[in-house]
């Protein structure tokens, strides 16, 4: 039984006058579906929308591309027909926003993207860039809200410093932000004066709900987000992208399996057990990724098992893992370009504060590492309820 009704279904029913007979652009991905798994593009057409343009975020409209892999224009899903399909994830930061010519003649753009509750996940920032581009053309943006799979009460990982804004955080929000995509875009629109944004709210969702409480089917929104369990570890697991540790891409358990050929899995598990907090267990493991980091090579490390989602702190747990790996010969920080930024280490963009990296490099006490950014988190929590819609 579906306890939650998404913004897409609200748009199709109570608010269908907003789309019926109008020339509509649609920003969507594989998880843009109704509770009966009908894709938004097909459902919006059935509701009378004249779909005139389609836009795919990172990974593409069909969700085939891997992370940070540029996507070409064009439809791979068979849904577009003769409708132009534009990529919002190319080779440059400029490619992340729709070109003015692509918006010409549109009455509105519908954004229906499933987020996973972590600042690094780029779909919400695509939604914001679309809203900004449409505001410049006087085009309405209709954001269909969807559940935060991690719920809406627990925040982790301090908002980043201003200088660390990037496509893994265009605005300063916590890593685990406890907001919905609609709440994030609405908050940005209020701050930036984007009067063209309307959020279609959900019905039945409460902040205490995790994904399994919603009754909705899980559709992987990106290639390495196969289950809601993956979303639960992702606020920590994605930090590994800032290192030469495999985050399990190229395995069947991305962001749960992690390690490298040079890792001492026993020592890693021991440190994580001592510092990760409650709700998880680090099991010593070996694995062989089929692509990306250490492809075809046996890696030693751990698998993170969730024992209690309510108490699990993924940001803390995985930062402990990185702190342990930093002590091992073979570890290095990622210095290659990361999400269009090449003038600082990727980990600084992910944690949002270079002091975290410097403290880990210096071998600081882990509890001291975790206190970095406490002042920014305190400021966020003092105003976070002002952002809530539910």
Protein backbone atom coordinates (compact mmCIF):
# COMPACT_ATOMS: atom_id res chain seq x y z
CA UNK A 1 0.00 0.00 0.00
CA UNK A 2 1.36 3.41 -0.99
CA UNK A 3 1.27 5.70 2.01
CA UNK A 4 2.90 8.59 0.14
CA UNK A 5 1.63 10.34 -2.97
CA UNK A 6 4.41 12.08 -4.89
CA UNK A 7 4.34 15.55 -6.37
CA UNK A 8 4.21 14.00 -9.85
CA UNK A 9 0.90 12.31 -9.05
CA UNK A 10 -0.40 15.54 -7.56
CA UNK A 11 0.52 17.36 -10.77
CA UNK A 12 -1.18 14.73 -12.90
CA UNK A 13 -4.40 14.93 -10.90
CA UNK A 14 -5.23 18.05 -8.86
CA UNK A 15 -2.87 20.37 -10.75
CA UNK A 16 -3.18 19.06 -14.31
CA UNK A 17 -4.41 22.46 -15.54
CA UNK A 18 -0.81 23.65 -15.11
CA UNK A 19 0.33 21.36 -17.94
CA UNK A 20 -2.71 20.57 -20.10
CA UNK A 21 -2.30 22.01 -23.58
CA UNK A 22 0.93 23.82 -22.67
CA UNK A 23 4.35 23.38 -24.28
CA UNK A 24 6.31 21.63 -21.57
CA UNK A 25 9.94 20.72 -21.03
CA UNK A 26 10.64 17.78 -18.71
CA UNK A 27 13.75 17.12 -16.61
CA UNK A 28 13.67 13.45 -15.65
CA UNK A 29 15.62 10.25 -15.09
CA UNK A 30 14.75 6.55 -14.58
CA UNK A 31 13.18 7.08 -11.14
CA UNK A 32 10.75 9.72 -12.44
CA UNK A 33 7.80 7.36 -12.16
CA UNK A 34 4.34 7.12 -10.67
CA UNK A 35 3.59 4.62 -7.92
CA UNK A 36 2.51 2.20 -10.65
CA UNK A 37 5.93 2.65 -12.34
CA UNK A 38 4.65 4.69 -15.29
CA UNK A 39 7.36 7.10 -16.40
CA UNK A 40 6.68 10.82 -16.01
CA UNK A 41 7.14 11.53 -19.73
CA UNK A 42 4.41 9.07 -20.68
CA UNK A 43 2.13 10.08 -17.81
CA UNK A 44 2.43 13.80 -18.56
CA UNK A 45 1.57 13.18 -22.21
CA UNK A 46 -1.49 11.21 -21.16
CA UNK A 47 -2.51 14.14 -18.95
CA UNK A 48 -2.55 16.46 -21.95
CA UNK A 49 0.88 18.09 -21.81
CA UNK A 50 2.47 19.02 -25.13
CA UNK A 51 5.99 17.84 -24.38
CA UNK A 52 8.33 19.93 -26.51
CA UNK A 53 11.72 19.18 -24.92
CA UNK A 54 13.34 16.59 -22.67
CA UNK A 55 16.37 17.13 -20.45
CA UNK A 56 18.58 14.51 -18.84
CA UNK A 57 20.70 15.25 -15.72
CA UNK A 58 23.95 13.48 -14.80
CA UNK A 59 23.79 9.83 -15.98
CA UNK A 60 21.30 10.82 -18.70
CA UNK A 61 17.56 10.57 -19.19
CA UNK A 62 17.89 6.79 -19.27
CA UNK A 63 20.46 6.60 -16.46
CA UNK A 64 23.07 4.56 -18.35
CA UNK A 65 26.14 6.78 -17.94
CA UNK A 66 28.53 6.35 -15.03
CA UNK A 67 29.42 9.14 -12.61
CA UNK A 68 31.27 12.13 -14.14
CA UNK A 69 30.79 10.63 -17.63
CA UNK A 70 29.72 13.27 -20.13
CA UNK A 71 26.37 12.54 -21.76
CA UNK A 72 25.56 13.42 -25.37
CA UNK A 73 22.29 14.95 -26.52
CA UNK A 74 19.74 12.46 -27.82
CA UNK A 75 17.28 9.91 -26.49
CA UNK A 76 18.27 6.36 -25.54
CA UNK A 77 14.94 5.43 -23.95
CA UNK A 78 12.60 5.41 -26.95
CA UNK A 79 10.24 7.84 -25.21
CA UNK A 80 11.15 11.06 -26.97
CA UNK A 81 9.98 10.35 -30.48
CA UNK A 82 10.76 13.53 -32.41
CA UNK A 83 11.06 15.62 -29.26
CA UNK A 84 14.61 16.99 -28.81
CA UNK A 85 16.47 15.50 -25.84
CA UNK A 86 19.19 17.65 -24.32
CA UNK A 87 21.98 16.66 -21.95
CA UNK A 88 22.52 18.70 -18.80
CA UNK A 89 25.81 16.96 -18.06
CA UNK A 90 28.62 17.46 -20.53
CA UNK A 91 32.32 18.29 -20.40
CA UNK A 92 32.18 21.73 -18.77
CA UNK A 93 30.40 23.44 -15.89
CA UNK A 94 28.53 25.53 -18.47
CA UNK A 95 27.02 22.34 -19.89
CA UNK A 96 25.10 21.78 -16.64
CA UNK A 97 22.58 24.54 -17.45
CA UNK A 98 20.12 24.49 -20.36
CA UNK A 99 21.04 26.75 -23.26
CA UNK A 100 18.60 29.63 -23.85
CA UNK A 101 17.75 28.24 -27.30
CA UNK A 102 16.61 24.96 -25.76
CA UNK A 103 14.03 26.81 -23.67
CA UNK A 104 12.62 28.86 -26.54
CA UNK A 105 8.86 28.47 -26.92
CA UNK A 106 8.34 26.57 -23.65
CA UNK A 107 5.53 27.58 -21.32
CA UNK A 108 6.90 25.64 -18.36
CA UNK A 109 9.50 23.07 -17.35
CA UNK A 110 8.55 20.16 -15.10
CA UNK A 111 11.37 18.85 -12.90
CA UNK A 112 10.80 15.37 -11.47
CA UNK A 113 14.00 13.96 -9.98
CA UNK A 114 14.40 11.49 -7.12
CA UNK A 115 17.09 12.71 -4.71
CA UNK A 116 18.81 10.52 -2.08
CA UNK A 117 19.33 12.97 0.76
CA UNK A 118 23.05 13.75 0.33
CA UNK A 119 24.52 17.09 -0.69
CA UNK A 120 26.87 15.43 -3.19
CA UNK A 121 24.06 13.90 -5.23
CA UNK A 122 23.82 16.28 -8.15
CA UNK A 123 20.17 16.10 -9.24
CA UNK A 124 18.95 18.80 -6.88
CA UNK A 125 21.64 21.14 -8.20
CA UNK A 126 20.54 20.41 -11.76
CA UNK A 127 17.03 21.41 -10.68
CA UNK A 128 18.37 24.69 -9.29
CA UNK A 129 20.39 25.47 -12.43
CA UNK A 130 17.29 24.82 -14.55
CA UNK A 131 15.27 27.15 -12.32
CA UNK A 132 17.87 29.89 -12.71
CA UNK A 133 18.01 29.52 -16.50
CA UNK A 134 14.22 29.51 -16.78
CA UNK A 135 13.92 32.59 -14.56
CA UNK A 136 16.09 34.49 -17.03
CA UNK A 137 13.59 33.58 -19.78
CA UNK A 138 10.42 34.12 -17.72
CA UNK A 139 9.52 30.42 -17.83
CA UNK A 140 7.68 28.68 -15.01
CA UNK A 141 9.42 25.76 -13.30
CA UNK A 142 7.24 23.11 -11.65
CA UNK A 143 9.15 20.90 -9.19
CA UNK A 144 7.45 17.62 -8.33
CA UNK A 145 8.48 16.77 -4.80
CA UNK A 146 9.60 13.30 -3.73
CA UNK A 147 10.60 11.66 -0.42
CA UNK A 148 14.03 11.98 1.10
CA UNK A 149 14.90 8.27 1.47
CA UNK A 150 16.80 9.00 4.70
CA UNK A 151 13.90 10.84 6.32
CA UNK A 152 13.76 14.49 7.25
CA UNK A 153 15.01 14.75 10.82
CA UNK A 154 18.70 13.82 11.02
CA UNK A 155 21.50 16.01 9.65
CA UNK A 156 25.20 15.13 9.43
CA UNK A 157 28.32 16.74 8.03
CA UNK A 158 28.53 20.51 8.41
CA UNK A 159 27.50 22.88 5.60
CA UNK A 160 30.55 23.58 3.46
CA UNK A 161 32.55 26.76 3.57
CA UNK A 162 31.59 29.29 0.89
CA UNK A 163 34.78 28.70 -1.08
CA UNK A 164 34.01 24.97 -1.36
CA UNK A 165 30.78 25.37 -3.33
CA UNK A 166 30.74 23.21 -6.48
CA UNK A 167 28.40 20.92 -8.39
CA UNK A 168 28.48 18.60 -5.36
CA UNK A 169 27.04 21.50 -3.37
CA UNK A 170 25.96 24.70 -5.10
CA UNK A 171 24.55 25.97 -1.81
CA UNK A 172 25.93 25.55 1.70
CA UNK A 173 23.92 22.71 3.22
CA UNK A 174 24.85 19.73 5.42
CA UNK A 175 26.09 16.56 3.74
CA UNK A 176 23.03 14.70 5.01
CA UNK A 177 20.64 17.60 4.69
CA UNK A 178 17.28 16.04 5.74
CA UNK A 179 15.38 18.03 3.10
CA UNK A 180 13.38 17.02 0.05
CA UNK A 181 14.29 18.17 -3.45
CA UNK A 182 11.30 20.52 -3.34
CA UNK A 183 12.40 22.03 -0.03
CA UNK A 184 15.94 22.60 -1.27
CA UNK A 185 14.85 24.25 -4.51
CA UNK A 186 12.18 26.33 -2.75
CA UNK A 187 14.73 27.53 -0.20
CA UNK A 188 17.14 28.54 -2.97
CA UNK A 189 14.37 30.24 -4.93
CA UNK A 190 13.40 32.35 -1.91
CA UNK A 191 17.00 33.38 -1.27
CA UNK A 192 17.72 34.16 -4.91
CA UNK A 193 14.40 35.78 -5.80
CA UNK A 194 13.40 33.12 -8.32
CA UNK A 195 9.66 33.83 -8.48
CA UNK A 196 9.14 31.36 -11.33
CA UNK A 197 9.36 28.24 -9.10
CA UNK A 198 6.35 26.25 -7.92
CA UNK A 199 6.72 23.08 -5.83
CA UNK A 200 3.98 20.46 -6.05
CA UNK A 201 4.06 18.87 -2.58
CA UNK A 202 3.68 15.26 -1.61
CA UNK A 203 0.79 13.94 0.41
CA UNK A 204 1.24 11.54 3.31
CA UNK A 205 4.96 12.03 3.80
CA UNK A 206 6.23 12.85 7.27
CA UNK A 207 9.75 13.67 8.32
CA UNK A 208 10.14 10.50 10.37
CA UNK A 209 9.59 8.31 7.29
CA UNK A 210 12.44 6.45 5.65
CA UNK A 211 12.02 4.99 2.19
CA UNK A 212 10.70 1.64 3.39
CA UNK A 213 7.87 3.47 5.19
CA UNK A 214 6.55 5.19 2.06
CA UNK A 215 5.17 2.15 0.25
CA UNK A 216 6.69 3.45 -2.98
CA UNK A 217 8.72 1.24 -5.35
CA UNK A 218 12.46 1.91 -5.47
CA UNK A 219 13.80 2.64 -8.94
CA UNK A 220 17.54 3.21 -9.14
CA UNK A 221 17.97 6.91 -9.99
CA UNK A 222 21.59 6.39 -11.05
CA UNK A 223 23.66 3.32 -11.99
CA UNK A 224 25.30 2.90 -8.57
CA UNK A 225 22.24 3.55 -6.42
CA UNK A 226 20.57 0.14 -6.79
CA UNK A 227 18.71 0.01 -3.47
CA UNK A 228 17.49 2.21 -0.65
CA UNK A 229 20.23 0.62 1.48
CA UNK A 230 22.76 2.21 -0.87
CA UNK A 231 21.19 5.60 -0.22
CA UNK A 232 21.55 4.97 3.53
CA UNK A 233 25.34 4.62 3.32
CA UNK A 234 25.90 7.17 0.55
CA UNK A 235 26.39 10.26 2.80
CA UNK A 236 29.57 8.52 3.93
CA UNK A 237 30.36 6.27 1.01
CA UNK A 238 30.68 9.09 -1.49
CA UNK A 239 33.55 10.55 0.54
CA UNK A 240 35.72 7.74 -0.84
CA UNK A 241 35.55 9.44 -4.25
CA UNK A 242 38.05 11.91 -2.77
CA UNK A 243 40.60 9.12 -2.23
CA UNK A 244 42.20 6.22 -4.11
CA UNK A 245 40.07 3.74 -2.17
CA UNK A 246 37.51 1.87 -4.26
CA UNK A 247 34.00 2.81 -3.18
CA UNK A 248 32.73 -0.46 -4.62
CA UNK A 249 31.77 0.80 -8.07
CA UNK A 250 32.07 -2.14 -10.41
CA UNK A 251 30.63 -4.50 -7.78
CA UNK A 252 27.09 -5.48 -6.87
CA UNK A 253 27.29 -3.54 -3.56
CA UNK A 254 28.56 -0.03 -4.40
CA UNK A 255 29.36 2.18 -1.39
CA UNK A 256 29.02 -0.83 0.93
CA UNK A 257 32.12 -2.68 -0.26
CA UNK A 258 35.27 -0.58 -0.02
CA UNK A 259 39.01 -0.97 0.00
CA UNK A 260 42.12 -1.24 -2.18
CA UNK A 261 44.84 -3.81 -2.94
CA UNK A 262 47.14 -2.25 -0.30
CA UNK A 263 44.58 -2.06 2.52
CA UNK A 264 44.88 -3.98 5.78
CA UNK A 265 41.24 -4.98 6.18
CA UNK A 266 41.64 -6.15 9.76
CA UNK A 267 43.16 -2.86 10.91
CA UNK A 268 40.54 -0.95 8.95
CA UNK A 269 37.68 -2.84 10.56
CA UNK A 270 39.20 -2.41 14.03
CA UNK A 271 39.44 1.39 13.69
CA UNK A 272 35.96 1.71 12.21
CA UNK A 273 34.49 -0.42 14.99
CA UNK A 274 36.12 1.84 17.58
CA UNK A 275 35.11 5.17 16.03
CA UNK A 276 32.14 4.74 13.68
CA UNK A 277 29.43 4.94 16.29
CA UNK A 278 26.32 2.78 16.54
CA UNK A 279 24.19 1.12 13.90
CA UNK A 280 26.81 -0.52 11.71
CA UNK A 281 29.35 -3.31 11.58
CA UNK A 282 32.51 -3.43 9.44
CA UNK A 283 33.13 -6.95 8.17
CA UNK A 284 36.57 -7.75 6.74
CA UNK A 285 36.10 -8.53 3.06
CA UNK A 286 37.79 -8.90 -0.30
CA UNK A 287 36.28 -7.97 -3.66
CA UNK A 288 37.25 -7.39 -7.29
CA UNK A 289 35.77 -4.32 -9.05
CA UNK A 290 34.93 -4.83 -12.71
CA UNK A 291 35.47 -1.16 -13.64
CA UNK A 292 36.78 2.16 -12.34
CA UNK A 293 39.27 2.14 -9.43
CA UNK A 294 41.39 -1.03 -9.22
CA UNK A 295 39.36 -2.68 -12.00
CA UNK A 296 40.13 -6.39 -12.30
CA UNK A 297 42.29 -6.36 -9.16
CA UNK A 298 41.47 -8.01 -5.86
CA UNK A 299 40.92 -5.39 -3.17
CA UNK A 300 41.11 -5.91 0.56
CA UNK A 301 38.88 -3.92 2.85
CA UNK A 302 35.50 -4.17 4.51
CA UNK A 303 31.82 -4.36 3.81
CA UNK A 304 29.74 -1.96 5.86
CA UNK A 305 26.64 -3.62 7.25
CA UNK A 306 23.75 -1.57 8.64
CA UNK A 307 22.50 -2.99 11.91
CA UNK A 308 20.26 -0.09 12.94
CA UNK A 309 19.33 2.61 10.41
CA UNK A 310 17.92 4.83 13.15
CA UNK A 311 21.28 5.24 14.91
CA UNK A 312 23.69 4.79 11.98
CA UNK A 313 25.80 7.88 11.17
CA UNK A 314 27.21 7.28 7.68
CA UNK A 315 29.29 10.47 7.49
CA UNK A 316 31.06 9.65 10.75
CA UNK A 317 31.50 5.96 9.90
CA UNK A 318 33.11 6.52 6.52
CA UNK A 319 35.26 9.42 7.65
CA UNK A 320 36.62 7.04 10.31
CA UNK A 321 37.37 4.57 7.56
CA UNK A 322 39.30 7.22 5.60
CA UNK A 323 41.21 8.27 8.72
CA UNK A 324 42.27 4.67 9.23
CA UNK A 325 43.26 4.14 5.59
CA UNK A 326 45.31 7.37 5.64
CA UNK A 327 47.73 5.63 8.02
CA UNK A 328 48.41 2.86 5.49
CA UNK A 329 51.13 2.92 2.86
CA UNK A 330 49.54 3.36 -0.55
CA UNK A 331 46.82 5.83 0.42
CA UNK A 332 46.50 9.13 -1.45
CA UNK A 333 43.93 11.88 -1.86
CA UNK A 334 42.35 12.37 -5.26
CA UNK A 335 43.99 15.33 -7.03
CA UNK A 336 42.53 14.80 -10.51
CA UNK A 337 39.68 17.01 -11.72
CA UNK A 338 36.49 16.28 -9.82
CA UNK A 339 33.08 17.56 -10.92
CA UNK A 340 34.67 20.31 -13.05
CA UNK A 341 37.04 21.50 -10.28
CA UNK A 342 40.80 20.96 -10.56
CA UNK A 343 42.34 23.55 -8.22
CA UNK A 344 41.87 21.69 -4.93
CA UNK A 345 41.55 18.09 -3.67
CA UNK A 346 38.18 16.46 -4.24
CA UNK A 347 37.86 15.58 -0.56
CA UNK A 348 37.72 19.30 0.29
CA UNK A 349 34.66 19.71 -1.94
CA UNK A 350 33.03 16.64 -0.41
CA UNK A 351 33.61 17.42 3.27
CA UNK A 352 33.27 21.11 2.51
CA UNK A 353 36.32 22.08 4.56
CA UNK A 354 40.03 21.57 3.83
CA UNK A 355 40.63 21.52 7.58
CA UNK A 356 39.17 18.00 7.66
CA UNK A 357 41.83 16.74 5.25
CA UNK A 358 44.60 18.60 7.04
CA UNK A 359 43.54 17.21 10.42
CA UNK A 360 43.48 13.64 9.09
CA UNK A 361 46.90 14.16 7.48
CA UNK A 362 48.24 15.37 10.84
CA UNK A 363 46.91 12.29 12.63
CA UNK A 364 44.55 14.33 14.80
CA UNK A 365 42.30 12.61 17.32
CA UNK A 366 39.24 11.44 15.39
CA UNK A 367 36.77 13.14 17.72
CA UNK A 368 38.57 16.42 17.02
CA UNK A 369 38.19 15.79 13.29
CA UNK A 370 34.46 15.28 13.78
CA UNK A 371 34.16 18.61 15.60
CA UNK A 372 35.38 20.59 12.58
CA UNK A 373 32.49 22.69 11.29
CA UNK A 374 30.42 22.47 14.49
CA UNK A 375 29.80 26.23 14.37
CA UNK A 376 28.35 26.01 10.86
CA UNK A 377 26.16 23.06 11.80
CA UNK A 378 24.87 24.92 14.84
CA UNK A 379 23.90 27.87 12.64
CA UNK A 380 22.12 25.56 10.20
CA UNK A 381 20.12 23.79 12.88
CA UNK A 382 18.97 27.11 14.31
CA UNK A 383 17.08 27.85 11.08
CA UNK A 384 16.45 24.46 9.45
CA UNK A 385 12.74 24.35 10.32
CA UNK A 386 12.24 27.49 8.22
CA UNK A 387 13.00 25.30 5.18
CA UNK A 388 10.50 22.56 5.97
CA UNK A 389 7.33 22.05 3.96
CA UNK A 390 6.15 19.00 5.96
